[in-house]
């Protein structure tokens, strides 16, 4: 199975690497990191980076497209880049699954692929998702036909495991989960707005909204 993971400057590493590790562990997938131009891609943290082995011109069709997200305000760059949006539209025409992680759904929306569609993103970006034409849905993984969107950062692992199950069966999905020893036992029960204390949600939400107003910091 051919899989393309889109890369762009300012990307959040786990949004891309989480699904990559799941697909790679199946030993049934050929995963390509694709960007406008080959080469080093800067992370939103500015600590290290990822490497795109393929350019847009070299990848014309895949079975699964994964569009990772980034921290605010870096999503402003890809959602206003017509070359990136046109490549996504072109690839989407023949994909079996077109997917996103975190604010990657804002990019899919900007490409016109989520108009009127139930989708999710990071909880702090629901307003932006709505403004781009999608219907924000407070679920960890949301499917609409061949569109599959995942919520914030770590949910990309859940989404990729679900795709493995749909494509290759539950047994392989469970096997990959075991290979990765993906058995989260976090020290805090604060991983969603439904569980975190309200003052903390307000504090973090305000901080992220302030970041989103800034110009991309790439």
C-alpha atoms as a PDB file:
ATOM      1  CA  UNK A   1       0.000   0.000   0.000  1.00  0.00           C
ATOM      2  CA  UNK A   2       1.380   3.408  -1.025  1.00  0.00           C
ATOM      3  CA  UNK A   3       1.175   6.152   1.593  1.00  0.00           C
ATOM      4  CA  UNK A   4       2.211   9.796   1.323  1.00  0.00           C
ATOM      5  CA  UNK A   5       2.756  11.948   4.401  1.00  0.00           C
ATOM      6  CA  UNK A   6       2.805  15.631   3.515  1.00  0.00           C
ATOM      7  CA  UNK A   7       5.619  17.705   5.019  1.00  0.00           C
ATOM      8  CA  UNK A   8       5.942  21.493   5.191  1.00  0.00           C
ATOM      9  CA  UNK A   9       7.945  23.923   7.294  1.00  0.00           C
ATOM     10  CA  UNK A  10       6.470  24.408  10.757  1.00  0.00           C
ATOM     11  CA  UNK A  11       4.997  20.908  11.023  1.00  0.00           C
ATOM     12  CA  UNK A  12       4.464  19.142  14.368  1.00  0.00           C
ATOM     13  CA  UNK A  13       6.735  16.082  14.404  1.00  0.00           C
ATOM     14  CA  UNK A  14       4.407  13.586  16.093  1.00  0.00           C
ATOM     15  CA  UNK A  15       1.565  14.418  13.686  1.00  0.00           C
ATOM     16  CA  UNK A  16       3.679  12.844  10.945  1.00  0.00           C
ATOM     17  CA  UNK A  17       5.818  10.359  12.868  1.00  0.00           C
ATOM     18  CA  UNK A  18       2.944   8.794  14.833  1.00  0.00           C
ATOM     19  CA  UNK A  19       1.129   7.543  11.709  1.00  0.00           C
ATOM     20  CA  UNK A  20       4.466   6.703  10.064  1.00  0.00           C
ATOM     21  CA  UNK A  21       5.434   4.324  12.869  1.00  0.00           C
ATOM     22  CA  UNK A  22       2.056   2.579  12.689  1.00  0.00           C
ATOM     23  CA  UNK A  23       2.152   2.101   8.921  1.00  0.00           C
ATOM     24  CA  UNK A  24       5.820   1.077   8.922  1.00  0.00           C
ATOM     25  CA  UNK A  25       5.175  -1.584  11.574  1.00  0.00           C
ATOM     26  CA  UNK A  26       2.695  -3.376   9.269  1.00  0.00           C
ATOM     27  CA  UNK A  27       5.542  -4.235   6.859  1.00  0.00           C
ATOM     28  CA  UNK A  28       2.879  -3.931   4.146  1.00  0.00           C
ATOM     29  CA  UNK A  29       3.167  -0.215   3.411  1.00  0.00           C
ATOM     30  CA  UNK A  30       5.531   1.975   1.425  1.00  0.00           C
ATOM     31  CA  UNK A  31       5.531   5.319   3.212  1.00  0.00           C
ATOM     32  CA  UNK A  32       6.815   8.423   1.446  1.00  0.00           C
ATOM     33  CA  UNK A  33       7.526  11.793   3.024  1.00  0.00           C
ATOM     34  CA  UNK A  34       6.539  14.355   0.408  1.00  0.00           C
ATOM     35  CA  UNK A  35       7.018  18.136   0.295  1.00  0.00           C
ATOM     36  CA  UNK A  36       6.956  20.891  -2.279  1.00  0.00           C
ATOM     37  CA  UNK A  37      10.692  20.436  -2.587  1.00  0.00           C
ATOM     38  CA  UNK A  38      12.881  17.578  -1.369  1.00  0.00           C
ATOM     39  CA  UNK A  39      15.061  18.188   1.636  1.00  0.00           C
ATOM     40  CA  UNK A  40      15.090  19.317   5.244  1.00  0.00           C
ATOM     41  CA  UNK A  41      11.780  20.423   6.764  1.00  0.00           C
ATOM     42  CA  UNK A  42      11.820  22.618   9.876  1.00  0.00           C
ATOM     43  CA  UNK A  43       9.640  21.643  12.840  1.00  0.00           C
ATOM     44  CA  UNK A  44       7.379  24.053  14.699  1.00  0.00           C
ATOM     45  CA  UNK A  45       9.599  23.600  17.762  1.00  0.00           C
ATOM     46  CA  UNK A  46      12.681  24.645  15.754  1.00  0.00           C
ATOM     47  CA  UNK A  47      14.436  21.670  17.331  1.00  0.00           C
ATOM     48  CA  UNK A  48      15.587  19.341  14.570  1.00  0.00           C
ATOM     49  CA  UNK A  49      13.514  18.499  11.532  1.00  0.00           C
ATOM     50  CA  UNK A  50      12.228  15.884   9.129  1.00  0.00           C
ATOM     51  CA  UNK A  51      13.421  15.049   5.627  1.00  0.00           C
ATOM     52  CA  UNK A  52      11.278  14.900   2.512  1.00  0.00           C
ATOM     53  CA  UNK A  53      12.545  12.239   0.123  1.00  0.00           C
ATOM     54  CA  UNK A  54      10.041  13.163  -2.596  1.00  0.00           C
ATOM     55  CA  UNK A  55       8.769  16.365  -4.164  1.00  0.00           C
ATOM     56  CA  UNK A  56       5.198  17.025  -5.313  1.00  0.00           C
ATOM     57  CA  UNK A  57       6.212  16.452  -8.924  1.00  0.00           C
ATOM     58  CA  UNK A  58       7.378  12.910  -8.116  1.00  0.00           C
ATOM     59  CA  UNK A  59       4.201  11.675  -6.406  1.00  0.00           C
ATOM     60  CA  UNK A  60       1.021  11.646  -8.474  1.00  0.00           C
ATOM     61  CA  UNK A  61      -1.123   9.065  -6.694  1.00  0.00           C
ATOM     62  CA  UNK A  62      -1.186   7.093  -3.440  1.00  0.00           C
ATOM     63  CA  UNK A  63      -3.611   4.901  -1.536  1.00  0.00           C
ATOM     64  CA  UNK A  64      -3.495   6.992   1.641  1.00  0.00           C
ATOM     65  CA  UNK A  65      -2.680  10.673   2.015  1.00  0.00           C
ATOM     66  CA  UNK A  66      -1.841  11.960   5.513  1.00  0.00           C
ATOM     67  CA  UNK A  67      -1.849  15.721   6.101  1.00  0.00           C
ATOM     68  CA  UNK A  68      -0.246  16.464   9.481  1.00  0.00           C
ATOM     69  CA  UNK A  69      -0.874  19.627  11.425  1.00  0.00           C
ATOM     70  CA  UNK A  70       1.245  22.207  13.158  1.00  0.00           C
ATOM     71  CA  UNK A  71       1.047  24.571  16.085  1.00  0.00           C
ATOM     72  CA  UNK A  72      -0.508  27.987  15.549  1.00  0.00           C
ATOM     73  CA  UNK A  73       0.114  30.155  13.633  1.00  0.00           C
ATOM     74  CA  UNK A  74       2.135  28.004  11.219  1.00  0.00           C
ATOM     75  CA  UNK A  75      -0.942  26.510   9.495  1.00  0.00           C
ATOM     76  CA  UNK A  76      -1.460  29.889   7.828  1.00  0.00           C
ATOM     77  CA  UNK A  77       1.374  29.114   5.433  1.00  0.00           C
ATOM     78  CA  UNK A  78       0.083  25.873   3.831  1.00  0.00           C
ATOM     79  CA  UNK A  79      -3.589  26.976   3.794  1.00  0.00           C
ATOM     80  CA  UNK A  80      -2.609  29.939   1.628  1.00  0.00           C
ATOM     81  CA  UNK A  81      -0.176  28.053  -0.596  1.00  0.00           C
ATOM     82  CA  UNK A  82      -1.946  27.160  -3.849  1.00  0.00           C
ATOM     83  CA  UNK A  83       0.768  24.759  -4.976  1.00  0.00           C
ATOM     84  CA  UNK A  84       0.301  22.715  -1.806  1.00  0.00           C
ATOM     85  CA  UNK A  85      -3.496  22.859  -1.991  1.00  0.00           C
ATOM     86  CA  UNK A  86      -3.521  21.890  -5.671  1.00  0.00           C
ATOM     87  CA  UNK A  87      -1.279  18.894  -4.992  1.00  0.00           C
ATOM     88  CA  UNK A  88      -3.605  17.748  -2.209  1.00  0.00           C
ATOM     89  CA  UNK A  89      -6.629  18.078  -4.523  1.00  0.00           C
ATOM     90  CA  UNK A  90      -4.851  16.125  -7.249  1.00  0.00           C
ATOM     91  CA  UNK A  91      -3.805  13.296  -4.920  1.00  0.00           C
ATOM     92  CA  UNK A  92      -7.264  13.173  -3.327  1.00  0.00           C
ATOM     93  CA  UNK A  93      -8.857  12.338  -6.683  1.00  0.00           C
ATOM     94  CA  UNK A  94      -7.459   8.798  -6.596  1.00  0.00           C
ATOM     95  CA  UNK A  95      -6.818   8.084  -2.909  1.00  0.00           C
ATOM     96  CA  UNK A  96      -8.552   5.329  -1.025  1.00  0.00           C
ATOM     97  CA  UNK A  97      -8.277   7.420   2.135  1.00  0.00           C
ATOM     98  CA  UNK A  98      -7.536  11.122   2.543  1.00  0.00           C
ATOM     99  CA  UNK A  99      -6.654  11.889   6.155  1.00  0.00           C
ATOM    100  CA  UNK A 100      -5.409  14.561   8.516  1.00  0.00           C
ATOM    101  CA  UNK A 101      -3.999  14.878  12.010  1.00  0.00           C
ATOM    102  CA  UNK A 102      -4.656  17.838  14.299  1.00  0.00           C
ATOM    103  CA  UNK A 103      -4.743  21.145  12.359  1.00  0.00           C
ATOM    104  CA  UNK A 104      -4.054  19.245   9.150  1.00  0.00           C
ATOM    105  CA  UNK A 105      -7.838  19.288   8.726  1.00  0.00           C
ATOM    106  CA  UNK A 106      -7.627  23.079   8.309  1.00  0.00           C
ATOM    107  CA  UNK A 107      -5.413  22.437   5.291  1.00  0.00           C
ATOM    108  CA  UNK A 108      -7.847  19.874   3.868  1.00  0.00           C
ATOM    109  CA  UNK A 109     -10.651  22.386   4.430  1.00  0.00           C
ATOM    110  CA  UNK A 110      -8.701  25.118   2.661  1.00  0.00           C
ATOM    111  CA  UNK A 111      -8.359  22.718  -0.272  1.00  0.00           C
ATOM    112  CA  UNK A 112     -12.167  22.472  -0.364  1.00  0.00           C
ATOM    113  CA  UNK A 113     -12.338  18.828   0.690  1.00  0.00           C
ATOM    114  CA  UNK A 114     -14.329  19.204   3.906  1.00  0.00           C
ATOM    115  CA  UNK A 115     -17.150  21.549   2.905  1.00  0.00           C
ATOM    116  CA  UNK A 116     -20.189  20.636   5.005  1.00  0.00           C
ATOM    117  CA  UNK A 117     -18.411  17.529   6.286  1.00  0.00           C
ATOM    118  CA  UNK A 118     -18.132  16.395   9.908  1.00  0.00           C
ATOM    119  CA  UNK A 119     -14.466  16.601  10.870  1.00  0.00           C
ATOM    120  CA  UNK A 120     -12.221  17.153  13.840  1.00  0.00           C
ATOM    121  CA  UNK A 121      -9.026  18.988  14.678  1.00  0.00           C
ATOM    122  CA  UNK A 122      -7.227  20.201  17.769  1.00  0.00           C
ATOM    123  CA  UNK A 123      -9.881  21.444  20.206  1.00  0.00           C
ATOM    124  CA  UNK A 124      -8.466  24.984  20.141  1.00  0.00           C
ATOM    125  CA  UNK A 125      -8.981  25.226  16.351  1.00  0.00           C
ATOM    126  CA  UNK A 126     -12.679  24.349  16.083  1.00  0.00           C
ATOM    127  CA  UNK A 127     -13.599  27.937  15.166  1.00  0.00           C
ATOM    128  CA  UNK A 128     -11.028  28.027  12.373  1.00  0.00           C
ATOM    129  CA  UNK A 129     -12.248  24.674  11.073  1.00  0.00           C
ATOM    130  CA  UNK A 130     -15.834  25.945  11.027  1.00  0.00           C
ATOM    131  CA  UNK A 131     -14.822  29.149   9.223  1.00  0.00           C
ATOM    132  CA  UNK A 132     -13.251  27.008   6.480  1.00  0.00           C
ATOM    133  CA  UNK A 133     -16.507  25.161   5.827  1.00  0.00           C
ATOM    134  CA  UNK A 134     -16.277  21.962   7.868  1.00  0.00           C
ATOM    135  CA  UNK A 135     -18.541  20.893  10.736  1.00  0.00           C
ATOM    136  CA  UNK A 136     -16.395  20.538  13.885  1.00  0.00           C
ATOM    137  CA  UNK A 137     -17.043  17.283  15.725  1.00  0.00           C
ATOM    138  CA  UNK A 138     -15.710  16.561  19.193  1.00  0.00           C
ATOM    139  CA  UNK A 139     -14.443  13.031  18.575  1.00  0.00           C
ATOM    140  CA  UNK A 140     -10.939  11.613  18.487  1.00  0.00           C
ATOM    141  CA  UNK A 141     -11.239  10.122  14.985  1.00  0.00           C
ATOM    142  CA  UNK A 142     -13.991  11.113  12.528  1.00  0.00           C
ATOM    143  CA  UNK A 143     -14.782   9.350   9.254  1.00  0.00           C
ATOM    144  CA  UNK A 144     -16.884  10.686   6.397  1.00  0.00           C
ATOM    145  CA  UNK A 145     -16.716   8.436   3.338  1.00  0.00           C
ATOM    146  CA  UNK A 146     -12.996   8.315   2.520  1.00  0.00           C
ATOM    147  CA  UNK A 147     -12.156  11.391   4.580  1.00  0.00           C
ATOM    148  CA  UNK A 148     -10.716  10.578   8.012  1.00  0.00           C
ATOM    149  CA  UNK A 149      -9.681  13.330  10.413  1.00  0.00           C
ATOM    150  CA  UNK A 150      -7.981  12.942  13.785  1.00  0.00           C
ATOM    151  CA  UNK A 151      -8.010  15.370  16.702  1.00  0.00           C
ATOM    152  CA  UNK A 152      -4.881  16.716  18.394  1.00  0.00           C
ATOM    153  CA  UNK A 153      -1.359  15.391  17.825  1.00  0.00           C
ATOM    154  CA  UNK A 154      -1.360  11.969  19.539  1.00  0.00           C
ATOM    155  CA  UNK A 155      -4.684  10.970  17.962  1.00  0.00           C
ATOM    156  CA  UNK A 156      -2.850  10.383  14.679  1.00  0.00           C
ATOM    157  CA  UNK A 157      -1.667   7.077  16.145  1.00  0.00           C
ATOM    158  CA  UNK A 158      -5.269   6.027  16.832  1.00  0.00           C
ATOM    159  CA  UNK A 159      -6.316   7.039  13.337  1.00  0.00           C
ATOM    160  CA  UNK A 160      -3.497   5.103  11.688  1.00  0.00           C
ATOM    161  CA  UNK A 161      -4.304   1.992  13.725  1.00  0.00           C
ATOM    162  CA  UNK A 162      -7.923   2.279  12.616  1.00  0.00           C
ATOM    163  CA  UNK A 163      -6.842   2.530   8.972  1.00  0.00           C
ATOM    164  CA  UNK A 164      -4.630  -0.546   9.376  1.00  0.00           C
ATOM    165  CA  UNK A 165      -7.617  -2.424  10.798  1.00  0.00           C
ATOM    166  CA  UNK A 166      -9.880  -1.348   7.927  1.00  0.00           C
ATOM    167  CA  UNK A 167      -7.327  -2.286   5.299  1.00  0.00           C
ATOM    168  CA  UNK A 168      -5.694  -5.391   6.739  1.00  0.00           C
ATOM    169  CA  UNK A 169      -7.994  -6.612   9.492  1.00  0.00           C
ATOM    170  CA  UNK A 170      -8.245  -6.282  13.254  1.00  0.00           C
ATOM    171  CA  UNK A 171      -5.564  -8.895  13.922  1.00  0.00           C
ATOM    172  CA  UNK A 172      -2.858  -6.874  12.210  1.00  0.00           C
ATOM    173  CA  UNK A 173      -4.123  -3.698  13.846  1.00  0.00           C
ATOM    174  CA  UNK A 174      -3.806  -5.351  17.244  1.00  0.00           C
ATOM    175  CA  UNK A 175      -0.399  -6.731  16.289  1.00  0.00           C
ATOM    176  CA  UNK A 176       0.888  -3.284  15.347  1.00  0.00           C
ATOM    177  CA  UNK A 177      -0.440  -1.860  18.598  1.00  0.00           C
ATOM    178  CA  UNK A 178       1.476  -4.576  20.443  1.00  0.00           C
ATOM    179  CA  UNK A 179       4.660  -3.995  18.424  1.00  0.00           C
ATOM    180  CA  UNK A 180       4.534  -0.312  19.370  1.00  0.00           C
ATOM    181  CA  UNK A 181       3.479  -1.186  22.930  1.00  0.00           C
ATOM    182  CA  UNK A 182       0.862   1.520  22.528  1.00  0.00           C
ATOM    183  CA  UNK A 183      -0.817   1.263  25.918  1.00  0.00           C
ATOM    184  CA  UNK A 184      -1.134   4.855  27.194  1.00  0.00           C
ATOM    185  CA  UNK A 185      -1.071   5.288  30.944  1.00  0.00           C
ATOM    186  CA  UNK A 186      -0.475   9.030  31.384  1.00  0.00           C
ATOM    187  CA  UNK A 187       0.246  10.476  34.825  1.00  0.00           C
ATOM    188  CA  UNK A 188      -2.709  12.869  34.499  1.00  0.00           C
ATOM    189  CA  UNK A 189      -6.292  12.456  33.324  1.00  0.00           C
ATOM    190  CA  UNK A 190      -6.275  15.799  31.508  1.00  0.00           C
ATOM    191  CA  UNK A 191      -5.933  14.840  27.853  1.00  0.00           C
ATOM    192  CA  UNK A 192      -9.166  16.412  26.610  1.00  0.00           C
ATOM    193  CA  UNK A 193     -11.382  19.391  27.353  1.00  0.00           C
ATOM    194  CA  UNK A 194     -13.917  16.964  28.832  1.00  0.00           C
ATOM    195  CA  UNK A 195     -11.446  15.803  31.479  1.00  0.00           C
ATOM    196  CA  UNK A 196      -9.089  18.708  32.144  1.00  0.00           C
ATOM    197  CA  UNK A 197     -10.034  21.267  34.826  1.00  0.00           C
ATOM    198  CA  UNK A 198     -11.988  24.176  33.345  1.00  0.00           C
ATOM    199  CA  UNK A 199      -9.443  26.837  34.461  1.00  0.00           C
ATOM    200  CA  UNK A 200      -6.680  24.900  32.717  1.00  0.00           C
ATOM    201  CA  UNK A 201      -8.712  24.615  29.502  1.00  0.00           C
ATOM    202  CA  UNK A 202      -9.342  28.354  29.598  1.00  0.00           C
ATOM    203  CA  UNK A 203      -5.703  29.150  30.268  1.00  0.00           C
ATOM    204  CA  UNK A 204      -4.294  26.926  27.519  1.00  0.00           C
ATOM    205  CA  UNK A 205      -7.033  27.912  25.076  1.00  0.00           C
ATOM    206  CA  UNK A 206      -6.240  31.587  25.559  1.00  0.00           C
ATOM    207  CA  UNK A 207      -2.538  30.976  25.112  1.00  0.00           C
ATOM    208  CA  UNK A 208      -3.071  29.092  21.860  1.00  0.00           C
ATOM    209  CA  UNK A 209      -5.446  31.753  20.546  1.00  0.00           C
ATOM    210  CA  UNK A 210      -2.785  34.395  21.169  1.00  0.00           C
ATOM    211  CA  UNK A 211      -0.261  32.303  19.254  1.00  0.00           C
ATOM    212  CA  UNK A 212      -2.713  31.871  16.367  1.00  0.00           C
ATOM    213  CA  UNK A 213      -2.888  35.647  15.844  1.00  0.00           C
ATOM    214  CA  UNK A 214       0.814  35.888  15.163  1.00  0.00           C
ATOM    215  CA  UNK A 215       2.548  35.550  11.840  1.00  0.00           C
ATOM    216  CA  UNK A 216       4.052  32.127  11.034  1.00  0.00           C
ATOM    217  CA  UNK A 217       7.313  31.660  12.899  1.00  0.00           C
ATOM    218  CA  UNK A 218       9.282  29.425  10.526  1.00  0.00           C
END
